[in-house]
Protein backbone atom coordinates (compact mmCIF):
# COMPACT_ATOMS: atom_id res chain seq x y z
CA UNK A 1 25.91 62.00 188.13
CA UNK A 2 24.21 61.35 191.42
CA UNK A 3 21.70 58.57 192.13
CA UNK A 4 18.15 59.90 191.63
CA UNK A 5 17.00 58.48 194.96
CA UNK A 6 19.48 60.85 196.62
CA UNK A 7 18.59 63.92 194.59
CA UNK A 8 14.79 63.70 194.32
CA UNK A 9 14.16 65.05 197.86
CA UNK A 10 16.71 67.82 197.30
CA UNK A 11 15.04 68.79 194.04
CA UNK A 12 11.57 68.64 195.62
CA UNK A 13 12.73 71.07 198.30
CA UNK A 14 12.49 73.75 195.60
CA UNK A 15 9.92 72.33 193.18
CA UNK A 16 7.38 71.79 195.98
CA UNK A 17 7.87 75.48 196.79
CA UNK A 18 6.99 76.58 193.25
CA UNK A 19 10.31 76.43 191.41
CA UNK A 20 9.98 74.97 187.92
CA UNK A 21 12.64 72.34 187.19
CA UNK A 22 14.50 72.92 183.93
CA UNK A 23 15.75 69.53 182.77
CA UNK A 24 16.61 70.14 179.11
CA UNK A 25 18.53 72.75 177.17
CA UNK A 26 15.30 73.67 175.38
CA UNK A 27 13.57 74.38 178.68
CA UNK A 28 16.49 76.54 179.80
CA UNK A 29 16.47 78.47 176.52
CA UNK A 30 12.72 79.04 176.67
CA UNK A 31 13.05 80.74 180.07
CA UNK A 32 16.44 82.48 179.97
CA UNK A 33 16.75 83.69 176.39
CA UNK A 34 16.99 87.46 176.00
CA UNK A 35 13.45 87.71 174.65
CA UNK A 36 11.91 86.77 178.02
CA UNK A 37 10.17 89.66 179.76
CA UNK A 38 9.93 89.99 183.52
CA UNK A 39 12.14 88.71 186.29
CA UNK A 40 13.39 85.15 186.73
CA UNK A 41 15.13 83.65 189.74
CA UNK A 42 17.38 80.71 188.85
CA UNK A 43 18.76 78.42 191.54
CA UNK A 44 21.55 76.09 190.48
CA UNK A 45 20.80 73.34 192.97
CA UNK A 46 23.40 70.99 194.38
CA UNK A 47 23.82 68.08 196.77
CA UNK A 48 26.44 69.90 198.83
CA UNK A 49 25.77 70.91 202.41
CA UNK A 50 25.75 74.64 201.71
CA UNK A 51 22.89 74.13 199.24
CA UNK A 52 20.79 72.50 201.96
CA UNK A 53 21.83 74.77 204.81
CA UNK A 54 22.00 78.08 202.99
CA UNK A 55 21.06 78.29 199.30
CA UNK A 56 17.70 76.53 199.13
CA UNK A 57 16.40 77.92 202.44
CA UNK A 58 17.71 81.39 201.58
CA UNK A 59 16.04 81.38 198.18
CA UNK A 60 12.73 80.26 199.67
CA UNK A 61 12.93 82.73 202.55
CA UNK A 62 13.65 85.59 200.14
CA UNK A 63 10.23 85.09 198.55
CA UNK A 64 8.54 86.54 201.64
CA UNK A 65 9.56 89.94 200.25
CA UNK A 66 6.81 92.20 198.88
CA UNK A 67 8.54 92.33 195.50
CA UNK A 68 9.62 89.01 194.06
CA UNK A 69 10.52 87.45 190.71
CA UNK A 70 7.71 86.63 188.33
CA UNK A 71 9.20 83.20 187.56
CA UNK A 72 11.14 80.72 189.72
CA UNK A 73 13.29 78.04 188.07
CA UNK A 74 15.98 75.58 189.02
CA UNK A 75 18.55 73.34 187.40
CA UNK A 76 20.28 70.57 189.31
CA UNK A 77 24.05 70.31 188.92
CA UNK A 78 25.18 66.71 188.65
CA UNK A 79 21.70 65.54 187.67
CA UNK A 80 20.54 67.41 184.57
CA UNK A 81 23.97 67.92 183.07
CA UNK A 82 23.06 69.48 179.71
CA UNK A 83 20.46 71.82 181.22
CA UNK A 84 22.91 72.96 183.89
CA UNK A 85 25.65 73.54 181.33
CA UNK A 86 23.27 75.58 179.19
CA UNK A 87 22.07 77.62 182.19
CA UNK A 88 25.69 78.36 183.08
CA UNK A 89 26.17 79.91 179.64
CA UNK A 90 23.59 82.52 180.67
CA UNK A 91 25.57 83.11 183.88
CA UNK A 92 28.76 84.18 182.11
CA UNK A 93 31.14 85.82 182.92
CA UNK A 94 30.70 84.06 186.26
CA UNK A 95 32.46 80.68 186.44
CA UNK A 96 30.47 77.49 187.08
CA UNK A 97 29.37 77.42 190.69
CA UNK A 98 26.98 75.18 192.54
CA UNK A 99 25.03 76.10 194.34
CA UNK A 100 24.44 79.54 192.91
CA UNK A 101 21.49 81.88 192.60
CA UNK A 102 20.90 84.32 189.75
CA UNK A 103 18.29 86.97 189.05
CA UNK A 104 17.43 87.91 185.48
CA UNK A 105 15.43 90.94 184.38
CA UNK A 106 14.05 90.99 180.83
CA UNK A 107 16.51 88.28 179.82
CA UNK A 108 19.59 89.97 181.31
CA UNK A 109 21.57 88.73 184.31
CA UNK A 110 21.29 91.49 186.93
CA UNK A 111 22.30 89.81 190.22
CA UNK A 112 24.43 86.79 191.06
CA UNK A 113 25.29 84.86 194.19
CA UNK A 114 28.13 82.43 193.64
CA UNK A 115 28.99 79.55 195.91
CA UNK A 116 31.51 81.69 197.82
CA UNK A 117 28.68 84.16 198.60
CA UNK A 118 26.50 81.29 199.85
CA UNK A 119 28.92 79.02 201.69
CA UNK A 120 29.36 80.20 205.27
CA UNK A 121 26.52 82.71 204.99
CA UNK A 122 23.22 82.20 206.75
CA UNK A 123 19.99 81.55 204.89
CA UNK A 124 18.67 84.78 206.43
CA UNK A 125 21.56 86.83 205.01
CA UNK A 126 21.12 85.23 201.60
CA UNK A 127 17.41 86.05 201.73
CA UNK A 128 18.17 89.68 202.64
CA UNK A 129 20.65 89.95 199.78
CA UNK A 130 18.13 88.54 197.30
CA UNK A 131 15.27 90.68 198.65
CA UNK A 132 17.34 93.82 198.03
CA UNK A 133 17.87 92.67 194.45
CA UNK A 134 14.13 92.05 194.09
CA UNK A 135 13.40 95.56 195.36
CA UNK A 136 15.67 96.94 192.66
CA UNK A 137 14.80 94.73 189.70
CA UNK A 138 11.33 93.21 190.24
């Protein structure tokens, strides 16, 4: 677990932009269960450099697209352990990865960016990748 004084600004980078923080397993279930209608973008946030340089900026930049998810949520790996573990159950068969970005449509995982898709990629390229997914599923 990371010290909260370190992670609060990293979390606010997304929550100040409209992402709802999911901090409990119940909150994760209420958003990601199969009964949820519409599209949901989930960012598994992290303290690593590629989250700051690529994942968070890419996710935010992707929302300039005409089509976008109806709900934006985030869990923070290493901070909200149980919520992150529960969210990762919805990301199966993909292995745990942070950061990562997932798009759900009507409760089903339809698009996934794992850490290896994020690390070394520009925020612009991540945004383009996500925008294409939004055009298909949102």
